[in-house]
């Protein structure tokens, strides 16, 4: 039985569908603002890529964990 994905990553299928890019694409985009604070990274995705707040926040949360931030 497959375990249901929970937390921020549960948004990933809808993010990929809505914005037409795989999650890895968004992780690479965040490298441009790697040294910034969480909300600054969220605002970057919103301003530069037209992403909604919830989707941007989910991606940033996983990005920060994966990069030890």
N, C-alpha and C. Protein backbone atom coordinates (compact mmCIF):
# COMPACT_ATOMS: atom_id res chain seq x y z
N UNK A 1 0.84 -1.18 0.00
CA UNK A 1 0.00 0.00 0.00
C UNK A 1 0.89 1.25 0.00
N UNK A 2 0.57 2.20 -0.85
CA UNK A 2 1.34 3.43 -0.94
C UNK A 2 0.90 4.40 0.15
N UNK A 3 1.88 4.97 0.84
CA UNK A 3 1.58 5.93 1.91
C UNK A 3 1.25 7.28 1.29
N UNK A 4 0.21 7.94 1.82
CA UNK A 4 -0.21 9.23 1.31
C UNK A 4 0.81 10.30 1.68
N UNK A 5 1.17 11.13 0.69
CA UNK A 5 2.11 12.23 0.92
C UNK A 5 1.42 13.29 1.75
N UNK A 6 2.11 13.78 2.77
CA UNK A 6 1.55 14.80 3.64
C UNK A 6 2.49 16.00 3.68
N UNK A 7 2.02 17.08 4.27
CA UNK A 7 2.83 18.28 4.42
C UNK A 7 2.95 19.04 3.12
N UNK A 8 3.95 19.92 3.03
CA UNK A 8 4.09 20.77 1.85
C UNK A 8 4.17 20.00 0.53
N UNK A 9 4.80 18.84 0.54
CA UNK A 9 4.95 18.07 -0.69
C UNK A 9 3.61 17.59 -1.25
N UNK A 10 2.56 17.60 -0.43
CA UNK A 10 1.25 17.18 -0.93
C UNK A 10 0.71 18.15 -1.99
N UNK A 11 1.25 19.36 -2.04
CA UNK A 11 0.85 20.34 -3.04
C UNK A 11 1.54 20.12 -4.40
N UNK A 12 2.58 19.33 -4.44
CA UNK A 12 3.41 19.22 -5.63
C UNK A 12 2.66 18.80 -6.89
N UNK A 13 1.77 17.80 -6.84
CA UNK A 13 1.06 17.44 -8.08
C UNK A 13 0.24 18.62 -8.65
N UNK A 14 -0.42 19.38 -7.79
CA UNK A 14 -1.22 20.50 -8.30
C UNK A 14 -0.33 21.64 -8.78
N UNK A 15 0.83 21.81 -8.16
CA UNK A 15 1.78 22.84 -8.61
C UNK A 15 2.29 22.49 -10.00
N UNK A 16 2.68 21.24 -10.20
CA UNK A 16 3.17 20.82 -11.51
C UNK A 16 2.10 20.98 -12.58
N UNK A 17 0.87 20.63 -12.25
CA UNK A 17 -0.22 20.75 -13.21
C UNK A 17 -0.51 22.21 -13.53
N UNK A 18 -0.59 23.06 -12.52
CA UNK A 18 -0.97 24.45 -12.73
C UNK A 18 0.10 25.25 -13.47
N UNK A 19 1.37 25.05 -13.12
CA UNK A 19 2.44 25.87 -13.67
C UNK A 19 3.22 25.20 -14.79
N UNK A 20 2.92 23.92 -15.06
CA UNK A 20 3.50 23.24 -16.22
C UNK A 20 4.97 22.93 -16.14
N UNK A 21 5.51 22.91 -14.93
CA UNK A 21 6.93 22.60 -14.74
C UNK A 21 7.07 21.58 -13.61
N UNK A 22 8.07 20.71 -13.69
CA UNK A 22 8.30 19.77 -12.58
C UNK A 22 8.84 20.52 -11.35
N UNK A 23 8.69 19.93 -10.21
CA UNK A 23 9.15 20.56 -8.97
C UNK A 23 10.64 20.86 -9.03
N UNK A 24 11.42 20.00 -9.66
CA UNK A 24 12.86 20.26 -9.77
C UNK A 24 13.14 21.60 -10.44
N UNK A 25 12.31 21.99 -11.40
CA UNK A 25 12.46 23.29 -12.05
C UNK A 25 12.37 24.42 -11.01
N UNK A 26 11.39 24.33 -10.12
CA UNK A 26 11.20 25.39 -9.13
C UNK A 26 12.32 25.39 -8.09
N UNK A 27 12.85 24.22 -7.79
CA UNK A 27 13.98 24.15 -6.84
C UNK A 27 15.20 24.86 -7.43
N UNK A 28 15.42 24.68 -8.71
CA UNK A 28 16.55 25.35 -9.38
C UNK A 28 16.33 26.86 -9.39
N UNK A 29 15.10 27.30 -9.62
CA UNK A 29 14.80 28.73 -9.62
C UNK A 29 15.14 29.36 -8.27
N UNK A 30 14.90 28.63 -7.20
CA UNK A 30 15.18 29.16 -5.86
C UNK A 30 16.66 29.31 -5.57
N UNK A 31 17.50 28.63 -6.33
CA UNK A 31 18.94 28.80 -6.14
C UNK A 31 19.35 30.26 -6.34
N UNK A 32 18.58 31.01 -7.12
CA UNK A 32 18.88 32.43 -7.37
C UNK A 32 18.73 33.27 -6.11
N UNK A 33 17.95 32.78 -5.13
CA UNK A 33 17.72 33.53 -3.89
C UNK A 33 18.00 32.64 -2.67
N UNK A 34 18.96 31.75 -2.83
CA UNK A 34 19.26 30.76 -1.78
C UNK A 34 19.57 31.40 -0.43
N UNK A 35 20.28 32.51 -0.42
CA UNK A 35 20.68 33.14 0.83
C UNK A 35 19.63 34.02 1.48
N UNK A 36 18.48 34.13 0.86
CA UNK A 36 17.41 35.00 1.38
C UNK A 36 16.59 34.28 2.46
N UNK A 37 15.80 35.07 3.19
CA UNK A 37 14.89 34.52 4.20
C UNK A 37 13.73 33.80 3.52
N UNK A 38 13.06 32.97 4.29
CA UNK A 38 11.93 32.18 3.78
C UNK A 38 10.92 33.04 3.02
N UNK A 39 10.42 34.09 3.65
CA UNK A 39 9.39 34.90 3.01
C UNK A 39 9.91 35.65 1.78
N UNK A 40 11.17 35.99 1.78
CA UNK A 40 11.76 36.63 0.60
C UNK A 40 11.79 35.65 -0.57
N UNK A 41 12.05 34.38 -0.27
CA UNK A 41 12.03 33.35 -1.31
C UNK A 41 10.61 33.13 -1.83
N UNK A 42 9.64 33.12 -0.91
CA UNK A 42 8.23 32.99 -1.31
C UNK A 42 7.85 34.15 -2.22
N UNK A 43 8.20 35.35 -1.79
CA UNK A 43 7.86 36.54 -2.58
C UNK A 43 8.53 36.54 -3.95
N UNK A 44 9.72 35.97 -4.03
CA UNK A 44 10.41 35.83 -5.31
C UNK A 44 9.59 34.97 -6.27
N UNK A 45 9.14 33.81 -5.81
CA UNK A 45 8.34 32.94 -6.68
C UNK A 45 7.04 33.62 -7.09
N UNK A 46 6.45 34.36 -6.18
CA UNK A 46 5.20 35.05 -6.48
C UNK A 46 5.42 36.16 -7.50
N UNK A 47 6.43 36.99 -7.27
CA UNK A 47 6.66 38.16 -8.13
C UNK A 47 7.25 37.79 -9.49
N UNK A 48 8.22 36.90 -9.50
CA UNK A 48 8.94 36.59 -10.74
C UNK A 48 8.28 35.50 -11.58
N UNK A 49 7.47 34.66 -10.93
CA UNK A 49 6.91 33.52 -11.64
C UNK A 49 5.40 33.41 -11.55
N UNK A 50 4.75 34.39 -10.90
CA UNK A 50 3.30 34.43 -10.83
C UNK A 50 2.67 33.31 -10.03
N UNK A 51 3.41 32.78 -9.08
CA UNK A 51 2.93 31.66 -8.29
C UNK A 51 2.07 32.17 -7.13
N UNK A 52 1.06 31.40 -6.77
CA UNK A 52 0.23 31.73 -5.62
C UNK A 52 1.00 31.54 -4.32
N UNK A 53 0.53 32.19 -3.26
CA UNK A 53 1.25 32.16 -1.98
C UNK A 53 1.39 30.74 -1.42
N UNK A 54 0.32 29.98 -1.39
CA UNK A 54 0.37 28.63 -0.82
C UNK A 54 1.32 27.71 -1.56
N UNK A 55 1.28 27.77 -2.89
CA UNK A 55 2.18 26.94 -3.68
C UNK A 55 3.63 27.37 -3.49
N UNK A 56 3.88 28.67 -3.52
CA UNK A 56 5.24 29.16 -3.32
C UNK A 56 5.76 28.77 -1.94
N UNK A 57 4.93 28.91 -0.94
CA UNK A 57 5.33 28.57 0.43
C UNK A 57 5.68 27.09 0.56
N UNK A 58 4.90 26.23 -0.07
CA UNK A 58 5.16 24.79 -0.01
C UNK A 58 6.50 24.46 -0.66
N UNK A 59 6.76 25.03 -1.81
CA UNK A 59 8.03 24.77 -2.50
C UNK A 59 9.21 25.26 -1.67
N UNK A 60 9.10 26.47 -1.13
CA UNK A 60 10.19 27.03 -0.33
C UNK A 60 10.43 26.18 0.92
N UNK A 61 9.37 25.72 1.56
CA UNK A 61 9.53 24.91 2.78
C UNK A 61 10.35 23.65 2.48
N UNK A 62 10.04 22.97 1.39
CA UNK A 62 10.78 21.75 1.03
C UNK A 62 12.18 22.10 0.57
N UNK A 63 12.33 23.17 -0.20
CA UNK A 63 13.64 23.60 -0.66
C UNK A 63 14.58 23.86 0.53
N UNK A 64 14.06 24.56 1.54
CA UNK A 64 14.89 24.92 2.70
C UNK A 64 15.31 23.66 3.48
N UNK A 65 14.42 22.72 3.64
CA UNK A 65 14.76 21.48 4.33
C UNK A 65 15.81 20.70 3.53
N UNK A 66 15.60 20.60 2.23
CA UNK A 66 16.52 19.84 1.38
C UNK A 66 17.91 20.47 1.30
N UNK A 67 17.99 21.78 1.54
CA UNK A 67 19.28 22.48 1.47
C UNK A 67 19.83 22.85 2.84
N UNK A 68 19.26 22.30 3.88
CA UNK A 68 19.76 22.53 5.23
C UNK A 68 19.67 23.96 5.69
N UNK A 69 18.67 24.68 5.23
CA UNK A 69 18.50 26.09 5.59
C UNK A 69 17.52 26.24 6.74
